[in-house]
Every structure is written in C-alpha cells, then in structure tokens.
Protein backbone atom coordinates (compact mmCIF):
# COMPACT_ATOMS: atom_id res chain seq x y z
CA MET A 1 -3.55 29.88 -3.49
CA GLU A 2 -5.96 26.99 -3.96
CA LEU A 3 -3.29 24.65 -2.58
CA ILE A 4 -2.80 26.67 0.62
CA ARG A 5 -6.52 27.25 1.05
CA THR A 6 -7.46 23.61 0.56
CA TYR A 7 -4.59 21.68 2.18
CA PRO A 8 -2.99 23.80 4.94
CA ARG A 9 -2.81 20.85 7.33
CA ASN A 10 -1.21 18.50 4.83
CA ILE A 11 1.31 21.15 3.82
CA LEU A 12 2.46 21.55 7.42
CA LEU A 13 2.55 17.80 8.04
CA GLY A 14 4.49 17.21 4.84
CA MET A 15 7.04 19.86 5.78
CA GLY A 16 7.30 18.38 9.25
CA ALA A 17 7.87 14.90 7.84
CA ARG A 18 10.53 16.24 5.48
CA TYR A 19 12.45 17.77 8.43
CA ILE A 20 14.51 14.67 9.28
CA ASP A 21 15.23 13.96 5.62
CA GLY A 22 17.10 17.23 5.15
CA VAL A 23 18.70 17.30 8.60
CA PHE A 24 19.91 13.70 8.63
CA PHE A 25 21.29 13.79 5.09
CA ASN A 26 23.24 16.99 5.69
CA VAL A 27 24.63 15.79 9.02
CA PHE A 28 25.58 12.23 8.07
CA ALA A 29 26.41 12.62 4.38
CA VAL A 30 27.98 16.09 4.39
CA PHE A 31 28.93 17.38 7.82
CA SER A 32 30.20 13.99 9.04
CA ILE A 33 33.16 14.31 6.68
CA VAL A 34 34.18 17.60 8.29
CA TYR A 35 33.55 16.26 11.79
CA LEU A 36 35.56 13.08 11.26
CA SER A 37 38.51 14.83 9.63
CA LYS A 38 38.68 17.76 12.05
CA HIS A 39 37.61 16.33 15.40
CA VAL A 40 38.29 12.58 15.13
CA GLN A 41 41.45 12.94 13.01
CA VAL A 42 40.24 10.60 10.27
CA ASP A 43 41.74 11.20 6.84
CA ARG A 44 39.29 13.29 4.83
CA THR A 45 39.46 10.99 1.80
CA THR A 46 38.80 7.97 4.01
CA ALA A 47 35.77 9.69 5.55
CA LEU A 48 34.48 10.51 2.06
CA TRP A 49 34.86 6.89 0.95
CA LEU A 50 32.94 5.68 4.00
CA VAL A 51 30.06 8.03 3.13
CA CYS A 52 30.19 6.77 -0.48
CA LEU A 53 30.00 3.19 0.78
CA SER A 54 26.92 4.08 2.82
CA ALA A 55 25.34 5.68 -0.26
CA LEU A 56 26.09 2.53 -2.25
CA VAL A 57 24.22 0.46 0.32
CA MET A 58 21.35 2.92 0.07
CA VAL A 59 21.03 2.18 -3.64
CA LEU A 60 19.66 -1.21 -2.56
CA THR A 61 17.69 -0.17 0.52
CA ILE A 62 15.74 2.73 -1.00
CA PRO A 63 13.73 0.56 -3.45
CA LEU A 64 13.41 -2.12 -0.75
CA PHE A 65 11.72 0.21 1.73
CA GLY A 66 9.77 1.87 -1.06
CA LYS A 67 8.22 -1.50 -1.86
CA LEU A 68 7.72 -2.41 1.80
CA SER A 69 5.91 0.89 2.34
CA ASP A 70 3.29 -0.26 -0.17
CA ARG A 71 2.57 -3.14 2.20
CA TRP A 72 3.03 -1.44 5.57
CA GLY A 73 1.64 1.97 4.62
CA ARG A 74 3.76 4.98 3.77
CA PRO A 75 3.05 7.11 6.87
CA LYS A 76 3.75 4.14 9.14
CA THR A 77 7.01 3.26 7.38
CA TYR A 78 8.16 6.87 7.48
CA ALA A 79 7.27 7.23 11.16
CA ILE A 80 9.14 4.04 12.11
CA GLY A 81 12.16 5.16 10.12
CA SER A 82 12.15 8.54 11.85
CA LEU A 83 11.93 6.90 15.27
CA LEU A 84 14.82 4.56 14.47
CA LEU A 85 16.92 7.50 13.28
CA ALA A 86 16.29 9.19 16.63
CA LEU A 87 17.37 6.04 18.46
CA VAL A 88 20.61 5.46 16.54
CA THR A 89 21.92 9.05 16.39
CA PHE A 90 23.68 9.13 19.78
CA PRO A 91 25.19 5.63 19.41
CA ALA A 92 26.37 6.56 15.90
CA PHE A 93 28.27 9.59 17.18
CA MET A 94 29.73 7.49 19.98
CA LEU A 95 31.09 5.04 17.41
CA MET A 96 32.44 7.88 15.27
CA GLY A 97 34.29 9.26 18.26
CA SER A 98 36.03 5.94 18.85
CA GLY A 99 38.41 6.58 15.97
CA SER A 100 38.13 2.96 14.84
CA LEU A 101 37.50 2.74 11.10
CA PRO A 102 35.31 -0.41 11.27
CA LEU A 103 33.17 1.21 13.99
CA ILE A 104 32.98 4.49 12.05
CA ALA A 105 31.91 2.55 8.95
CA LEU A 106 29.20 0.88 11.06
CA ALA A 107 28.15 4.28 12.42
CA LEU A 108 27.56 5.54 8.88
CA ILE A 109 26.30 2.49 7.00
CA VAL A 110 23.59 1.42 9.44
CA PRO A 111 21.96 4.83 10.10
CA PHE A 112 22.57 6.45 6.72
CA GLY A 113 22.77 3.50 4.34
CA ILE A 114 19.92 1.47 5.82
CA ILE A 115 17.63 3.27 8.28
CA TYR A 116 17.57 6.60 6.46
CA ALA A 117 16.21 4.74 3.42
CA MET A 118 13.07 3.92 5.44
CA CYS A 119 12.24 7.62 5.16
CA TYR A 120 13.69 8.47 1.78
CA GLY A 121 12.32 5.38 0.01
CA PRO A 122 8.60 6.10 0.51
CA GLU A 123 8.94 9.89 0.69
CA ALA A 124 7.92 10.75 -2.88
CA ALA A 125 4.82 8.55 -2.74
CA LEU A 126 4.00 9.85 0.76
CA PHE A 127 4.00 13.43 -0.48
CA SER A 128 1.90 12.42 -3.49
CA ASP A 129 -0.75 11.08 -1.12
CA LEU A 130 -1.03 14.47 0.58
CA PHE A 131 -2.80 16.21 -2.29
CA ASP A 132 -5.57 15.74 -4.80
CA VAL A 133 -4.54 15.27 -8.39
CA LYS A 134 -5.53 18.85 -9.29
CA VAL A 135 -2.83 20.38 -7.07
CA ARG A 136 -0.52 17.41 -6.58
CA TYR A 137 2.43 18.62 -8.65
CA THR A 138 2.41 22.06 -7.02
CA GLY A 139 1.86 20.56 -3.57
CA ILE A 140 4.75 18.12 -3.76
CA SER A 141 7.08 20.82 -5.06
CA PHE A 142 6.01 23.30 -2.38
CA VAL A 143 6.42 20.84 0.50
CA TYR A 144 9.78 19.53 -0.67
CA GLN A 145 11.40 22.80 -1.74
CA PHE A 146 10.04 25.19 0.88
CA SER A 147 10.82 22.83 3.75
CA GLY A 148 14.34 22.56 2.38
CA ILE A 149 15.02 26.06 3.69
CA PHE A 150 15.03 24.90 7.31
CA ALA A 151 15.45 21.16 6.81
CA SER A 152 18.51 21.34 4.56
CA GLY A 153 19.64 24.88 3.85
CA ILE A 154 20.60 25.98 7.35
CA THR A 155 21.56 22.58 8.78
CA PRO A 156 25.32 22.94 8.04
CA ILE A 157 25.27 26.33 9.79
CA ILE A 158 23.45 24.88 12.80
CA ALA A 159 25.78 21.87 12.90
CA THR A 160 28.89 24.06 12.80
CA PHE A 161 27.54 26.28 15.57
CA LEU A 162 26.53 23.38 17.85
CA ILE A 163 29.87 21.61 17.47
CA SER A 164 31.74 24.85 18.12
CA TYR A 165 29.53 25.73 21.10
CA GLY A 166 30.16 22.28 22.55
CA ASP A 167 33.96 22.60 22.14
CA GLY A 168 34.05 19.82 19.55
CA SER A 169 31.57 17.59 21.36
CA PRO A 170 28.85 16.17 19.06
CA TRP A 171 26.10 15.76 21.65
CA LEU A 172 24.27 19.03 21.03
CA LEU A 173 24.23 18.25 17.33
CA ALA A 174 23.00 14.73 18.05
CA ALA A 175 20.21 16.19 20.20
CA TYR A 176 19.19 18.45 17.33
CA VAL A 177 19.02 15.46 14.97
CA VAL A 178 16.88 13.57 17.50
CA PHE A 179 14.56 16.58 17.78
CA ALA A 180 14.14 16.71 14.00
CA ALA A 181 13.48 12.97 13.88
CA LEU A 182 10.76 13.17 16.54
CA VAL A 183 9.06 16.08 14.76
CA SER A 184 9.05 14.04 11.55
CA MET A 185 7.78 10.93 13.32
CA ILE A 186 4.82 12.80 14.83
CA SER A 187 4.08 14.53 11.52
CA ALA A 188 4.09 11.23 9.62
CA MET A 189 1.80 9.61 12.20
CA LEU A 190 -0.73 12.41 11.73
CA ILE A 191 -0.77 12.19 7.93
CA ARG A 192 -4.03 10.93 6.43
CA PRO A 193 -3.66 10.42 2.67
CA VAL A 194 -6.35 12.06 0.57
CA SER A 195 -8.73 9.76 -1.25
CA GLN A 196 -7.27 8.67 -4.55
CA THR A 197 -9.06 10.25 -7.47
CA ARG A 198 -8.65 9.73 -11.15
CA THR A 199 -9.14 12.24 -13.86
CA THR A 200 -11.19 11.07 -16.78
CA LEU A 201 -12.43 12.82 -19.83
CA PRO A 202 -16.14 13.65 -19.80
CA HIS A 203 -18.05 10.73 -21.18
CA LYS A 204 -20.33 11.45 -24.08
CA PRO A 205 -22.78 8.80 -25.19
CA LEU A 206 -22.12 7.48 -28.62
CA ARG A 207 -24.74 8.20 -31.18
CA PRO A 208 -25.43 5.62 -33.79
CA SER A 209 -24.42 6.72 -37.27
CA PRO A 210 -27.22 7.08 -39.67
CA VAL A 211 -27.77 4.14 -41.96
CA HIS A 212 -27.80 5.05 -45.62
CA THR A 213 -29.80 2.87 -47.88
CA SER A 214 -29.66 3.00 -51.61
C-alpha cells in the first residue's frame, strides 16, 4: 500500500512505458510467425528462423542501447525508441507482405533486432529510477508484471481479432502497435526519476577504549 500511496504517478507512467514492450514483442516475435505462414505463405520454419536471427542481433543491441541510455538519459532513449517503433511498423508490414525473404528479414531485423532494443535495453534501469530504494523491488515487479496483463497477455488475442476483422490485412494491427508506441513515448517523456538515495547503517561515534595501566 505504501507503494501505491507514494508513487501513483510513477506506477502509471511505468505501465504506460511498458505498453510497447509487451505489444511489440508479441506482434513481431510471436504473432509474425503465424501471420507470415498463414497470410504471406512463408514456410513456418523459415519465419521462425528469421525471428531467431532478429533475436541474435538483439543480443548485441540491447547492451549497446543500455550503455547509450546512461549517456543520453533513460527516459529520452526509451521515448526515442518508442517513436521509431511507431514510424517503422507500417513499412515493416508492407515489406512482410511483399513475400520476398530478404525484405521480410529486413522487416524483422531492423524493427525487432535493432530499434526494439532501444526500449528493452534501458527498461530495467528506467523502472528502477521510478521508485525509492525502500519500495524499489516491489515497484519494479508491480509495474512490469501488472502491465503485462494488457501489454503482453491479451496482445495475441487482439492481433488475431484485428487480422481476422481486416480479412487478413495487417493495417489495423499495425495501427494498434503505433497506438501502443505513442502511449509509451508520451509516458517515457513524462517520467522524472526519483532522487537517488543510498541506505546506510546508522553511524555511531566510536568511543575510545579505556587505557589500562599496570
């Protein structure tokens, strides 16, 4: 209760920032395999390997953007990453729909393997900055797990519905991803990290030991 009473604003902003993380991962790393195999007629194994290749690239880009966020600022890095994800979503689906494997690889590697890392790389440290040390562990867990209900848990259901409603067209799904990215961008821009505090043990002055003389 102390967490909710003390940091309601930061909880909401953290959950808003986390929105694109869950949505983008589930659409480009999970649902894209179904979309490519069912609607673009790409072999399912090939689609899976392209996602794996994107994840391999991300192994390098996550620590890169994590380090750059120390220089640029974590909210700024996260906001820029969210904006870029909004900008590349429609072009990425256009390339996927081409049916060309090199273009499909480009449509996955650039948004998911590179740009997505601008959000995922600094995310843990960004959420740490939302809370004082007394409630930090609980705060990070609450923001990440509770936001996962709408950011990750229901995204495959939403994606399936939007693709079906659009008769196989990806544009409604792309619009949903853009919406999530813009929400996360605004949330990240509004984040103001709490002042860094350190816990120290109470200092007790040392008393000189008595001198024994014989």
